[in-house]
Amino acid sequence: MIEVLQTGPLNTVQDLGRFGFRNAGVTSSGAMDRLALMVGNLLVGNAEGEAALEIQTFPFRLRFERDMAVAVTGADCEARLDGRRLPPWWAMPVLSGQVLELDTPRRAARAYLCLAGGIEVEPVMGSRSTSLRGGFGGLEGRFLAANDRLPVAGAAGPAVPQGGFGVMPPETALAAHFPAPEDGTLLVRAVPAGEYALFGAEAERFWTQTWKISSHSDRTGYRLSGEPIRLASPVELRSHGVVPGVVQMPPSGEPIIQMSDANTAGGYPKMAGVIDVDLWRLGQARIGSRIRFVRSSIAEAREAERAVRAYLDDVRCTVPMLAQALAAMSRR
């Protein structure tokens, strides 16, 4: 078990999401930064999709009620175990009674705490992810509160050696495959979507201007602020299916990017679609930060996907060998 000592709103249990139910109006939910969740699970010997804690409001503190292995990935939130600073993207063994503290990160938005064996809440429709809008999954369908206690499954995979170990963060390892921020502006690759042509000459400004993630953003969608973009002429559309990454243009003329808790259907014109491998970077963008869309291609998206797969393959191969080598050294 783990006990939550201090938390803010919107911290939840998440895995990779639930799929196959969008036709019934059920959102997929799941981690906003899927890559951080997957790597964190690999570090502690879990299957990549085990349930973990997604932490986006700080400070956050919890106590471990038994010995286990844990990993903290995602945003660098200056994690401390009993006051001792831990490196980012790091796995380590913890003892019963020890306290982990996470502070507000200087950059990025969300940290992920993965525990060997995974958080053992009841699955709903094949997933342990919390759906805050639906009020199900995770811990009673709600965000975490002080004094909550969460069960953790038995230890899985190789033990994490004393002192722990880590991996290179993907933003560093994959820097050559993702556009570098320009003057603090996150560059997000996207492809034009179904109704792009309906915006006529106005559509070009979608790519050239800088947008700000407004305070009205959440896990459902990022609402962007900027100079409005209008349709060339009025149009009425039937509702259509929507998935994470779809960029809709409501009557206000300011885009909405559907995120992990994306609506299952909507009638706003679709301006673009963010390529799937850029969604983890977008999931780490903070309220008030600036983004600019970069027109991409299917070929470029596939190349980036191959790079991410290679990074994950390297983590899958390296972590068990590193854990065994470090454990052997500690026994000498």
C-alpha atoms as a PDB file:
ATOM      1  CA  MET A   1       0.000   0.000   0.000  1.00  0.00           C
ATOM      2  CA  ILE A   2       0.925   3.646  -0.390  1.00  0.00           C
ATOM      3  CA  GLU A   3      -0.618   6.522   1.580  1.00  0.00           C
ATOM      4  CA  VAL A   4      -1.133   9.992   0.111  1.00  0.00           C
ATOM      5  CA  LEU A   5       0.000  12.621   2.625  1.00  0.00           C
ATOM      6  CA  GLN A   6      -0.364  15.798   0.560  1.00  0.00           C
ATOM      7  CA  THR A   7      -1.843  16.434  -2.860  1.00  0.00           C
ATOM      8  CA  GLY A   8      -3.677  18.975  -4.979  1.00  0.00           C
ATOM      9  CA  PRO A   9      -6.623  18.511  -7.328  1.00  0.00           C
ATOM     10  CA  LEU A  10      -6.449  16.558 -10.602  1.00  0.00           C
ATOM     11  CA  ASN A  11      -3.793  14.017  -9.558  1.00  0.00           C
ATOM     12  CA  THR A  12      -5.104  10.639 -10.693  1.00  0.00           C
ATOM     13  CA  VAL A  13      -4.419   6.984 -11.380  1.00  0.00           C
ATOM     14  CA  GLN A  14      -3.740   6.440 -15.093  1.00  0.00           C
ATOM     15  CA  ASP A  15      -2.537   3.696 -17.408  1.00  0.00           C
ATOM     16  CA  LEU A  16      -2.424   3.743 -21.223  1.00  0.00           C
ATOM     17  CA  GLY A  17      -6.209   4.124 -21.453  1.00  0.00           C
ATOM     18  CA  ARG A  18      -9.328   2.154 -22.338  1.00  0.00           C
ATOM     19  CA  PHE A  19     -10.133   1.429 -25.941  1.00  0.00           C
ATOM     20  CA  GLY A  20     -13.009   0.019 -27.931  1.00  0.00           C
ATOM     21  CA  PHE A  21     -15.804   1.976 -26.249  1.00  0.00           C
ATOM     22  CA  ARG A  22     -15.827   5.332 -28.063  1.00  0.00           C
ATOM     23  CA  ASN A  23     -18.915   4.231 -29.992  1.00  0.00           C
ATOM     24  CA  ALA A  24     -20.678   4.154 -26.611  1.00  0.00           C
ATOM     25  CA  GLY A  25     -19.436   7.636 -25.683  1.00  0.00           C
ATOM     26  CA  VAL A  26     -16.625   6.432 -23.393  1.00  0.00           C
ATOM     27  CA  THR A  27     -13.386   8.415 -23.645  1.00  0.00           C
ATOM     28  CA  SER A  28     -10.058   6.591 -23.676  1.00  0.00           C
ATOM     29  CA  SER A  29      -8.484   8.608 -20.816  1.00  0.00           C
ATOM     30  CA  GLY A  30      -4.958   7.391 -19.976  1.00  0.00           C
ATOM     31  CA  ALA A  31      -1.690   9.219 -19.387  1.00  0.00           C
ATOM     32  CA  MET A  32      -1.176  12.608 -21.012  1.00  0.00           C
ATOM     33  CA  ASP A  33       2.495  11.683 -21.472  1.00  0.00           C
ATOM     34  CA  ARG A  34       2.266   8.042 -22.510  1.00  0.00           C
ATOM     35  CA  LEU A  35       6.007   7.808 -23.132  1.00  0.00           C
ATOM     36  CA  ALA A  36       6.863   8.815 -19.541  1.00  0.00           C
ATOM     37  CA  LEU A  37       4.420   6.217 -18.195  1.00  0.00           C
ATOM     38  CA  MET A  38       5.832   3.460 -20.395  1.00  0.00           C
ATOM     39  CA  VAL A  39       9.454   4.202 -19.503  1.00  0.00           C
ATOM     40  CA  GLY A  40       8.631   4.460 -15.791  1.00  0.00           C
ATOM     41  CA  ASN A  41       7.010   1.043 -15.879  1.00  0.00           C
ATOM     42  CA  LEU A  42       9.945  -0.470 -17.749  1.00  0.00           C
ATOM     43  CA  LEU A  43      12.347   0.911 -15.133  1.00  0.00           C
ATOM     44  CA  VAL A  44      10.646  -1.086 -12.366  1.00  0.00           C
ATOM     45  CA  GLY A  45      10.133  -4.233 -14.416  1.00  0.00           C
ATOM     46  CA  ASN A  46       6.432  -3.766 -15.128  1.00  0.00           C
ATOM     47  CA  ALA A  47       4.491  -4.258 -18.307  1.00  0.00           C
ATOM     48  CA  GLU A  48       4.454  -0.898 -20.076  1.00  0.00           C
ATOM     49  CA  GLY A  49       0.772  -0.228 -19.491  1.00  0.00           C
ATOM     50  CA  GLU A  50       0.535  -0.789 -15.722  1.00  0.00           C
ATOM     51  CA  ALA A  51      -1.388   1.809 -13.727  1.00  0.00           C
ATOM     52  CA  ALA A  52       0.639   4.603 -12.118  1.00  0.00           C
ATOM     53  CA  LEU A  53       0.067   8.037 -10.604  1.00  0.00           C
ATOM     54  CA  GLU A  54      -0.131  11.052 -12.909  1.00  0.00           C
ATOM     55  CA  ILE A  55       0.797  14.105 -10.857  1.00  0.00           C
ATOM     56  CA  GLN A  56       0.089  17.568 -12.232  1.00  0.00           C
ATOM     57  CA  THR A  57      -0.540  19.647  -9.103  1.00  0.00           C
ATOM     58  CA  PHE A  58       2.167  20.085  -6.514  1.00  0.00           C
ATOM     59  CA  PRO A  59       3.530  19.687  -3.879  1.00  0.00           C
ATOM     60  CA  PHE A  60       2.780  15.983  -3.619  1.00  0.00           C
ATOM     61  CA  ARG A  61       3.838  13.680  -0.768  1.00  0.00           C
ATOM     62  CA  LEU A  62       3.222  10.022  -0.068  1.00  0.00           C
ATOM     63  CA  ARG A  63       4.391   7.334   2.345  1.00  0.00           C
ATOM     64  CA  PHE A  64       5.278   3.772   1.373  1.00  0.00           C
ATOM     65  CA  GLU A  65       3.747   1.115   3.601  1.00  0.00           C
ATOM     66  CA  ARG A  66       6.021  -1.700   2.420  1.00  0.00           C
ATOM     67  CA  ASP A  67       9.331  -2.163   0.645  1.00  0.00           C
ATOM     68  CA  MET A  68       9.072  -1.819  -3.125  1.00  0.00           C
ATOM     69  CA  ALA A  69      10.745  -0.416  -6.236  1.00  0.00           C
ATOM     70  CA  VAL A  70       9.503   2.867  -7.713  1.00  0.00           C
ATOM     71  CA  ALA A  71      10.390   5.191 -10.590  1.00  0.00           C
ATOM     72  CA  VAL A  72       9.679   8.876 -11.197  1.00  0.00           C
ATOM     73  CA  THR A  73       9.575  10.049 -14.819  1.00  0.00           C
ATOM     74  CA  GLY A  74       8.118  12.951 -16.792  1.00  0.00           C
ATOM     75  CA  ALA A  75       8.585  16.468 -15.435  1.00  0.00           C
ATOM     76  CA  ASP A  76      11.637  17.026 -13.230  1.00  0.00           C
ATOM     77  CA  CYS A  77       9.916  17.834  -9.934  1.00  0.00           C
ATOM     78  CA  GLU A  78      13.017  17.625  -7.722  1.00  0.00           C
ATOM     79  CA  ALA A  79      11.898  14.341  -6.173  1.00  0.00           C
ATOM     80  CA  ARG A  80      13.188  13.696  -2.646  1.00  0.00           C
ATOM     81  CA  LEU A  81      13.111  10.441  -0.700  1.00  0.00           C
ATOM     82  CA  ASP A  82      13.271  11.202   3.024  1.00  0.00           C
ATOM     83  CA  GLY A  83      14.772  14.547   2.035  1.00  0.00           C
ATOM     84  CA  ARG A  84      17.446  13.058  -0.262  1.00  0.00           C
ATOM     85  CA  ARG A  85      17.356  14.470  -3.790  1.00  0.00           C
ATOM     86  CA  LEU A  86      16.787  11.954  -6.586  1.00  0.00           C
ATOM     87  CA  PRO A  87      17.793  12.402 -10.235  1.00  0.00           C
ATOM     88  CA  PRO A  88      15.033  12.708 -12.842  1.00  0.00           C
ATOM     89  CA  TRP A  89      13.913   9.636 -14.813  1.00  0.00           C
ATOM     90  CA  TRP A  90      15.185   7.450 -11.997  1.00  0.00           C
ATOM     91  CA  ALA A  91      14.230   4.125 -10.408  1.00  0.00           C
ATOM     92  CA  MET A  92      15.141   3.214  -6.819  1.00  0.00           C
ATOM     93  CA  PRO A  93      14.210   0.813  -4.013  1.00  0.00           C
ATOM     94  CA  VAL A  94      12.205   2.297  -1.142  1.00  0.00           C
ATOM     95  CA  LEU A  95      11.561   0.988   2.350  1.00  0.00           C
ATOM     96  CA  SER A  96       8.386   0.845   4.378  1.00  0.00           C
ATOM     97  CA  GLY A  97       7.836   4.162   6.149  1.00  0.00           C
ATOM     98  CA  GLN A  98       9.876   6.275   3.736  1.00  0.00           C
ATOM     99  CA  VAL A  99       8.320   9.460   2.331  1.00  0.00           C
ATOM    100  CA  LEU A 100       8.566  10.675  -1.266  1.00  0.00           C
ATOM    101  CA  GLU A 101       8.087  14.395  -2.010  1.00  0.00           C
ATOM    102  CA  LEU A 102       7.570  16.026  -5.398  1.00  0.00           C
ATOM    103  CA  ASP A 103       7.775  19.802  -5.871  1.00  0.00           C
ATOM    104  CA  THR A 104       6.503  22.050  -8.664  1.00  0.00           C
ATOM    105  CA  PRO A 105       8.667  21.456 -11.753  1.00  0.00           C
ATOM    106  CA  ARG A 106      10.493  24.379 -13.336  1.00  0.00           C
ATOM    107  CA  ARG A 107       9.545  23.120 -16.781  1.00  0.00           C
ATOM    108  CA  ALA A 108       6.970  20.631 -18.060  1.00  0.00           C
ATOM    109  CA  ALA A 109       3.670  19.834 -16.427  1.00  0.00           C
ATOM    110  CA  ARG A 110       3.283  16.214 -15.286  1.00  0.00           C
ATOM    111  CA  ALA A 111       5.283  13.656 -13.327  1.00  0.00           C
ATOM    112  CA  TYR A 112       4.609   9.922 -13.262  1.00  0.00           C
ATOM    113  CA  LEU A 113       5.162   7.673 -10.264  1.00  0.00           C
ATOM    114  CA  CYS A 114       5.374   4.012 -11.273  1.00  0.00           C
ATOM    115  CA  LEU A 115       5.529   1.234  -8.686  1.00  0.00           C
ATOM    116  CA  ALA A 116       6.734  -2.346  -9.194  1.00  0.00           C
ATOM    117  CA  GLY A 117       3.630  -4.442  -9.781  1.00  0.00           C
ATOM    118  CA  GLY A 118       1.443  -1.435 -10.588  1.00  0.00           C
ATOM    119  CA  ILE A 119      -1.404   0.216  -8.694  1.00  0.00           C
ATOM    120  CA  GLU A 120      -4.032  -2.448  -8.126  1.00  0.00           C
ATOM    121  CA  VAL A 121      -7.339  -0.599  -8.353  1.00  0.00           C
ATOM    122  CA  GLU A 122     -10.303  -2.330  -9.972  1.00  0.00           C
ATOM    123  CA  PRO A 123     -10.213  -2.262 -13.799  1.00  0.00           C
ATOM    124  CA  VAL A 124     -13.226  -0.741 -15.567  1.00  0.00           C
ATOM    125  CA  MET A 125     -13.718  -1.691 -19.217  1.00  0.00           C
ATOM    126  CA  GLY A 126     -10.226  -3.129 -19.345  1.00  0.00           C
ATOM    127  CA  SER A 127      -8.399  -0.130 -17.863  1.00  0.00           C
ATOM    128  CA  ARG A 128      -7.521   1.311 -14.460  1.00  0.00           C
ATOM    129  CA  SER A 129      -7.400   4.877 -15.835  1.00  0.00           C
ATOM    130  CA  THR A 130      -9.442   7.522 -14.062  1.00  0.00           C
ATOM    131  CA  SER A 131     -12.225   9.168 -16.066  1.00  0.00           C
ATOM    132  CA  LEU A 132     -12.981  12.315 -14.082  1.00  0.00           C
ATOM    133  CA  ARG A 133     -15.792  13.300 -16.440  1.00  0.00           C
ATOM    134  CA  GLY A 134     -17.400   9.865 -16.206  1.00  0.00           C
ATOM    135  CA  GLY A 135     -16.674   9.407 -12.512  1.00  0.00           C
ATOM    136  CA  PHE A 136     -15.278   5.892 -12.887  1.00  0.00           C
ATOM    137  CA  GLY A 137     -11.963   4.067 -12.985  1.00  0.00           C
ATOM    138  CA  GLY A 138      -8.894   4.791 -10.883  1.00  0.00           C
ATOM    139  CA  LEU A 139      -9.742   5.461  -7.242  1.00  0.00           C
ATOM    140  CA  GLU A 140     -13.543   5.738  -7.170  1.00  0.00           C
ATOM    141  CA  GLY A 141     -13.490   7.793 -10.365  1.00  0.00           C
ATOM    142  CA  ARG A 142     -12.002  10.839  -8.630  1.00  0.00           C
ATOM    143  CA  PHE A 143      -8.702  12.595  -8.118  1.00  0.00           C
ATOM    144  CA  LEU A 144      -6.532  11.777  -5.127  1.00  0.00           C
ATOM    145  CA  ALA A 145      -7.018  13.296  -1.683  1.00  0.00           C
ATOM    146  CA  ALA A 146      -4.896  13.375   1.481  1.00  0.00           C
ATOM    147  CA  ASN A 147      -5.128  10.139   3.507  1.00  0.00           C
ATOM    148  CA  ASP A 148      -6.041   8.025   0.475  1.00  0.00           C
ATOM    149  CA  ARG A 149      -4.432   4.591   0.534  1.00  0.00           C
ATOM    150  CA  LEU A 150      -3.827   2.727  -2.714  1.00  0.00           C
ATOM    151  CA  PRO A 151      -3.005  -0.962  -3.090  1.00  0.00           C
ATOM    152  CA  VAL A 152       0.094  -1.996  -5.014  1.00  0.00           C
ATOM    153  CA  ALA A 153       0.416  -5.424  -6.637  1.00  0.00           C
ATOM    154  CA  GLY A 154       3.251  -7.757  -5.763  1.00  0.00           C
ATOM    155  CA  ALA A 155       6.748  -6.904  -6.939  1.00  0.00           C
ATOM    156  CA  ALA A 156       7.301  -7.530 -10.654  1.00  0.00           C
ATOM    157  CA  GLY A 157      10.405  -8.048 -12.714  1.00  0.00           C
ATOM    158  CA  PRO A 158      14.040  -7.628 -11.591  1.00  0.00           C
ATOM    159  CA  ALA A 159      14.705  -5.860  -8.302  1.00  0.00           C
ATOM    160  CA  VAL A 160      16.064  -2.321  -8.522  1.00  0.00           C
ATOM    161  CA  PRO A 161      19.546  -2.343  -6.929  1.00  0.00           C
ATOM    162  CA  GLN A 162      20.485  -0.144  -4.012  1.00  0.00           C
ATOM    163  CA  GLY A 163      21.205   3.386  -5.222  1.00  0.00           C
ATOM    164  CA  GLY A 164      18.965   2.918  -8.234  1.00  0.00           C
ATOM    165  CA  PHE A 165      19.552   3.774 -11.876  1.00  0.00           C
ATOM    166  CA  GLY A 166      17.969   5.862 -14.610  1.00  0.00           C
ATOM    167  CA  VAL A 167      17.652   6.449 -18.330  1.00  0.00           C
ATOM    168  CA  MET A 168      18.226   9.395 -20.616  1.00  0.00           C
ATOM    169  CA  PRO A 169      15.003  11.437 -20.903  1.00  0.00           C
ATOM    170  CA  PRO A 170      13.368  11.180 -24.340  1.00  0.00           C
ATOM    171  CA  GLU A 171      13.572  14.930 -24.918  1.00  0.00           C
ATOM    172  CA  THR A 172      17.363  14.475 -24.839  1.00  0.00           C
ATOM    173  CA  ALA A 173      17.654  11.051 -26.465  1.00  0.00           C
ATOM    174  CA  LEU A 174      15.263  11.982 -29.284  1.00  0.00           C
ATOM    175  CA  ALA A 175      16.281  15.607 -29.736  1.00  0.00           C
ATOM    176  CA  ALA A 176      17.294  15.020 -33.366  1.00  0.00           C
ATOM    177  CA  HIS A 177      13.816  13.748 -34.226  1.00  0.00           C
ATOM    178  CA  PHE A 178      11.709  16.515 -32.671  1.00  0.00           C
ATOM    179  CA  PRO A 179      11.640  20.231 -33.521  1.00  0.00           C
ATOM    180  CA  ALA A 180      13.607  22.233 -30.958  1.00  0.00           C
ATOM    181  CA  PRO A 181      11.647  24.965 -29.141  1.00  0.00           C
ATOM    182  CA  GLU A 182      12.108  28.438 -30.592  1.00  0.00           C
ATOM    183  CA  ASP A 183      12.395  31.218 -28.016  1.00  0.00           C
ATOM    184  CA  GLY A 184      10.465  29.089 -25.521  1.00  0.00           C
ATOM    185  CA  THR A 185       7.753  28.211 -28.045  1.00  0.00           C
ATOM    186  CA  LEU A 186       6.971  24.499 -28.381  1.00  0.00           C
ATOM    187  CA  LEU A 187       6.833  23.399 -32.020  1.00  0.00           C
ATOM    188  CA  VAL A 188       4.078  20.821 -32.586  1.00  0.00           C
ATOM    189  CA  ARG A 189       3.823  18.930 -35.862  1.00  0.00           C
ATOM    190  CA  ALA A 190       0.405  18.478 -37.446  1.00  0.00           C
ATOM    191  CA  VAL A 191      -1.216  17.613 -40.764  1.00  0.00           C
ATOM    192  CA  PRO A 192      -4.208  19.433 -42.323  1.00  0.00           C
ATOM    193  CA  ALA A 193      -7.544  17.785 -41.514  1.00  0.00           C
ATOM    194  CA  GLY A 194     -10.938  17.342 -43.189  1.00  0.00           C
ATOM    195  CA  GLU A 195     -12.269  20.903 -43.134  1.00  0.00           C
ATOM    196  CA  TYR A 196      -8.940  22.707 -43.553  1.00  0.00           C
ATOM    197  CA  ALA A 197      -9.852  23.984 -47.030  1.00  0.00           C
ATOM    198  CA  LEU A 198     -13.035  25.634 -45.690  1.00  0.00           C
ATOM    199  CA  PHE A 199     -10.911  28.314 -44.020  1.00  0.00           C
ATOM    200  CA  GLY A 200      -9.502  29.548 -47.341  1.00  0.00           C
ATOM    201  CA  ALA A 201      -6.610  31.987 -47.132  1.00  0.00           C
ATOM    202  CA  GLU A 202      -7.175  32.296 -43.352  1.00  0.00           C
ATOM    203  CA  ALA A 203      -5.839  28.757 -42.891  1.00  0.00           C
ATOM    204  CA  GLU A 204      -2.248  29.846 -43.460  1.00  0.00           C
ATOM    205  CA  ARG A 205      -2.294  31.854 -40.214  1.00  0.00           C
ATOM    206  CA  PHE A 206      -2.901  28.628 -38.302  1.00  0.00           C
ATOM    207  CA  TRP A 207       0.729  27.721 -39.020  1.00  0.00           C
ATOM    208  CA  THR A 208       2.387  31.133 -38.871  1.00  0.00           C
ATOM    209  CA  GLN A 209       1.087  32.556 -35.616  1.00  0.00           C
ATOM    210  CA  THR A 210       2.020  31.604 -32.055  1.00  0.00           C
ATOM    211  CA  TRP A 211      -0.778  30.286 -29.827  1.00  0.00           C
ATOM    212  CA  LYS A 212      -1.032  30.373 -26.044  1.00  0.00           C
ATOM    213  CA  ILE A 213      -2.478  27.497 -23.978  1.00  0.00           C
ATOM    214  CA  SER A 214      -5.290  29.184 -22.058  1.00  0.00           C
ATOM    215  CA  SER A 215      -6.333  28.640 -18.447  1.00  0.00           C
ATOM    216  CA  HIS A 216      -9.501  26.930 -19.733  1.00  0.00           C
ATOM    217  CA  SER A 217      -7.449  23.898 -20.764  1.00  0.00           C
ATOM    218  CA  ASP A 218      -7.563  20.461 -19.139  1.00  0.00           C
ATOM    219  CA  ARG A 219      -7.141  16.763 -19.897  1.00  0.00           C
ATOM    220  CA  THR A 220     -10.106  16.930 -22.281  1.00  0.00           C
ATOM    221  CA  GLY A 221      -8.644  19.613 -24.484  1.00  0.00           C
ATOM    222  CA  TYR A 222      -6.217  22.516 -24.750  1.00  0.00           C
ATOM    223  CA  ARG A 223      -7.962  25.749 -25.655  1.00  0.00           C
ATOM    224  CA  LEU A 224      -5.605  28.099 -27.453  1.00  0.00           C
ATOM    225  CA  SER A 225      -5.601  31.884 -27.419  1.00  0.00           C
ATOM    226  CA  GLY A 226      -4.537  33.947 -30.404  1.00  0.00           C
ATOM    227  CA  GLU A 227      -5.812  35.960 -33.345  1.00  0.00           C
ATOM    228  CA  PRO A 228      -9.052  34.206 -34.401  1.00  0.00           C
ATOM    229  CA  ILE A 229      -9.266  32.290 -37.676  1.00  0.00           C
ATOM    230  CA  ARG A 230     -12.671  32.352 -39.376  1.00  0.00           C
ATOM    231  CA  LEU A 231     -14.345  30.146 -41.958  1.00  0.00           C
ATOM    232  CA  ALA A 232     -14.369  31.529 -45.492  1.00  0.00           C
ATOM    233  CA  SER A 233     -18.178  31.113 -45.420  1.00  0.00           C
ATOM    234  CA  PRO A 234     -20.672  29.694 -42.878  1.00  0.00           C
ATOM    235  CA  VAL A 235     -21.028  25.918 -42.837  1.00  0.00           C
ATOM    236  CA  GLU A 236     -23.080  23.389 -40.887  1.00  0.00           C
ATOM    237  CA  LEU A 237     -21.545  20.010 -40.121  1.00  0.00           C
ATOM    238  CA  ARG A 238     -22.937  16.844 -38.649  1.00  0.00           C
ATOM    239  CA  SER A 239     -21.220  15.563 -35.514  1.00  0.00           C
ATOM    240  CA  HIS A 240     -18.334  13.257 -36.301  1.00  0.00           C
ATOM    241  CA  GLY A 241     -15.915  11.056 -34.377  1.00  0.00           C
ATOM    242  CA  VAL A 242     -13.091  12.796 -32.517  1.00  0.00           C
ATOM    243  CA  VAL A 243      -9.839  11.373 -31.118  1.00  0.00           C
ATOM    244  CA  PRO A 244      -6.864  12.820 -29.206  1.00  0.00           C
ATOM    245  CA  GLY A 245      -4.769  15.108 -31.389  1.00  0.00           C
ATOM    246  CA  VAL A 246      -7.655  16.470 -33.466  1.00  0.00           C
ATOM    247  CA  VAL A 247      -7.551  20.284 -33.666  1.00  0.00           C
ATOM    248  CA  GLN A 248     -11.058  21.755 -33.898  1.00  0.00           C
ATOM    249  CA  MET A 249     -11.981  25.321 -34.716  1.00  0.00           C
ATOM    250  CA  PRO A 250     -15.057  26.526 -32.772  1.00  0.00           C
ATOM    251  CA  PRO A 251     -17.006  29.687 -33.710  1.00  0.00           C
ATOM    252  CA  SER A 252     -14.627  31.781 -31.556  1.00  0.00           C
ATOM    253  CA  GLY A 253     -11.896  31.106 -34.137  1.00  0.00           C
ATOM    254  CA  GLU A 254      -9.446  29.902 -31.481  1.00  0.00           C
ATOM    255  CA  PRO A 255      -8.377  26.232 -31.780  1.00  0.00           C
ATOM    256  CA  ILE A 256      -9.082  23.384 -29.362  1.00  0.00           C
ATOM    257  CA  ILE A 257      -6.684  20.424 -29.319  1.00  0.00           C
ATOM    258  CA  GLN A 258      -8.390  17.261 -28.105  1.00  0.00           C
ATOM    259  CA  MET A 259      -6.252  15.528 -25.473  1.00  0.00           C
ATOM    260  CA  SER A 260      -6.352  12.249 -23.490  1.00  0.00           C
ATOM    261  CA  ASP A 261      -9.933  12.713 -22.262  1.00  0.00           C
ATOM    262  CA  ALA A 262     -10.982  13.814 -25.756  1.00  0.00           C
ATOM    263  CA  ASN A 263     -14.662  14.029 -26.572  1.00  0.00           C
ATOM    264  CA  THR A 264     -15.869  11.046 -28.581  1.00  0.00           C
ATOM    265  CA  ALA A 265     -17.772  13.194 -31.098  1.00  0.00           C
ATOM    266  CA  GLY A 266     -18.126  16.828 -32.085  1.00  0.00           C
ATOM    267  CA  GLY A 267     -19.324  19.101 -34.848  1.00  0.00           C
ATOM    268  CA  TYR A 268     -16.677  21.830 -34.974  1.00  0.00           C
ATOM    269  CA  PRO A 269     -14.645  21.942 -38.200  1.00  0.00           C
ATOM    270  CA  LYS A 270     -11.380  20.019 -38.017  1.00  0.00           C
ATOM    271  CA  MET A 271      -8.431  22.241 -38.870  1.00  0.00           C
ATOM    272  CA  ALA A 272      -5.589  19.765 -38.324  1.00  0.00           C
ATOM    273  CA  GLY A 273      -4.412  16.657 -36.521  1.00  0.00           C
ATOM    274  CA  VAL A 274      -1.335  16.615 -34.275  1.00  0.00           C
ATOM    275  CA  ILE A 275       0.871  13.661 -35.183  1.00  0.00           C
ATOM    276  CA  ASP A 276       0.634  10.945 -32.548  1.00  0.00           C
ATOM    277  CA  VAL A 277       4.298  10.977 -31.507  1.00  0.00           C
ATOM    278  CA  ASP A 278       4.111  14.689 -30.628  1.00  0.00           C
ATOM    279  CA  LEU A 279       1.234  14.212 -28.187  1.00  0.00           C
ATOM    280  CA  TRP A 280       3.515  13.275 -25.286  1.00  0.00           C
ATOM    281  CA  ARG A 281       5.384  16.562 -25.705  1.00  0.00           C
ATOM    282  CA  LEU A 282       2.105  18.432 -25.880  1.00  0.00           C
ATOM    283  CA  GLY A 283       0.969  16.611 -22.727  1.00  0.00           C
ATOM    284  CA  GLN A 284       3.908  18.199 -20.899  1.00  0.00           C
ATOM    285  CA  ALA A 285       3.056  21.752 -22.045  1.00  0.00           C
ATOM    286  CA  ARG A 286       1.962  23.972 -19.162  1.00  0.00           C
ATOM    287  CA  ILE A 287      -0.951  26.364 -18.977  1.00  0.00           C
ATOM    288  CA  GLY A 288       0.204  29.726 -20.319  1.00  0.00           C
ATOM    289  CA  SER A 289       2.970  28.288 -22.488  1.00  0.00           C
ATOM    290  CA  ARG A 290       3.216  29.061 -26.187  1.00  0.00           C
ATOM    291  CA  ILE A 291       3.034  26.642 -29.092  1.00  0.00           C
ATOM    292  CA  ARG A 292       3.279  26.891 -32.856  1.00  0.00           C
ATOM    293  CA  PHE A 293       2.058  24.303 -35.321  1.00  0.00           C
ATOM    294  CA  VAL A 294       4.483  22.997 -37.927  1.00  0.00           C
ATOM    295  CA  ARG A 295       2.999  21.541 -41.084  1.00  0.00           C
ATOM    296  CA  SER A 296       4.155  17.935 -41.312  1.00  0.00           C
ATOM    297  CA  SER A 297       3.756  14.885 -43.527  1.00  0.00           C
ATOM    298  CA  ILE A 298       2.864  11.242 -43.042  1.00  0.00           C
ATOM    299  CA  ALA A 299       6.425  10.277 -43.939  1.00  0.00           C
ATOM    300  CA  GLU A 300       7.852  12.570 -41.260  1.00  0.00           C
ATOM    301  CA  ALA A 301       5.407  11.212 -38.696  1.00  0.00           C
ATOM    302  CA  ARG A 302       6.438   7.636 -39.494  1.00  0.00           C
ATOM    303  CA  GLU A 303      10.118   8.516 -39.187  1.00  0.00           C
ATOM    304  CA  ALA A 304       9.498  10.023 -35.728  1.00  0.00           C
ATOM    305  CA  GLU A 305       7.499   6.934 -34.729  1.00  0.00           C
ATOM    306  CA  ARG A 306      10.417   4.716 -35.707  1.00  0.00           C
ATOM    307  CA  ALA A 307      12.750   6.811 -33.552  1.00  0.00           C
ATOM    308  CA  VAL A 308      10.449   6.526 -30.526  1.00  0.00           C
ATOM    309  CA  ARG A 309      10.119   2.755 -31.022  1.00  0.00           C
ATOM    310  CA  ALA A 310      13.918   2.444 -31.183  1.00  0.00           C
ATOM    311  CA  TYR A 311      14.245   4.462 -27.959  1.00  0.00           C
ATOM    312  CA  LEU A 312      11.750   2.204 -26.182  1.00  0.00           C
ATOM    313  CA  ASP A 313      13.443  -0.919 -27.548  1.00  0.00           C
ATOM    314  CA  ASP A 314      16.733   0.354 -26.148  1.00  0.00           C
ATOM    315  CA  VAL A 315      15.144   0.912 -22.705  1.00  0.00           C
ATOM    316  CA  ARG A 316      13.559  -2.567 -22.823  1.00  0.00           C
ATOM    317  CA  CYS A 317      16.924  -4.182 -23.535  1.00  0.00           C
ATOM    318  CA  THR A 318      19.136  -1.996 -21.344  1.00  0.00           C
ATOM    319  CA  VAL A 319      17.155  -1.829 -18.094  1.00  0.00           C
ATOM    320  CA  PRO A 320      17.245  -5.552 -17.186  1.00  0.00           C
ATOM    321  CA  MET A 321      20.957  -5.825 -18.013  1.00  0.00           C
ATOM    322  CA  LEU A 322      21.794  -2.669 -16.075  1.00  0.00           C
ATOM    323  CA  ALA A 323      19.780  -3.788 -13.056  1.00  0.00           C
ATOM    324  CA  GLN A 324      21.518  -7.169 -13.013  1.00  0.00           C
ATOM    325  CA  ALA A 325      24.981  -5.659 -13.424  1.00  0.00           C
ATOM    326  CA  LEU A 326      24.472  -3.131 -10.635  1.00  0.00           C
ATOM    327  CA  ALA A 327      23.010  -5.785  -8.347  1.00  0.00           C
ATOM    328  CA  ALA A 328      26.045  -8.018  -8.967  1.00  0.00           C
ATOM    329  CA  MET A 329      28.427  -5.142  -8.182  1.00  0.00           C
ATOM    330  CA  SER A 330      26.607  -4.378  -4.928  1.00  0.00           C
ATOM    331  CA  ARG A 331      27.085  -7.987  -3.776  1.00  0.00           C
ATOM    332  CA  ARG A 332      30.859  -7.892  -4.185  1.00  0.00           C
END
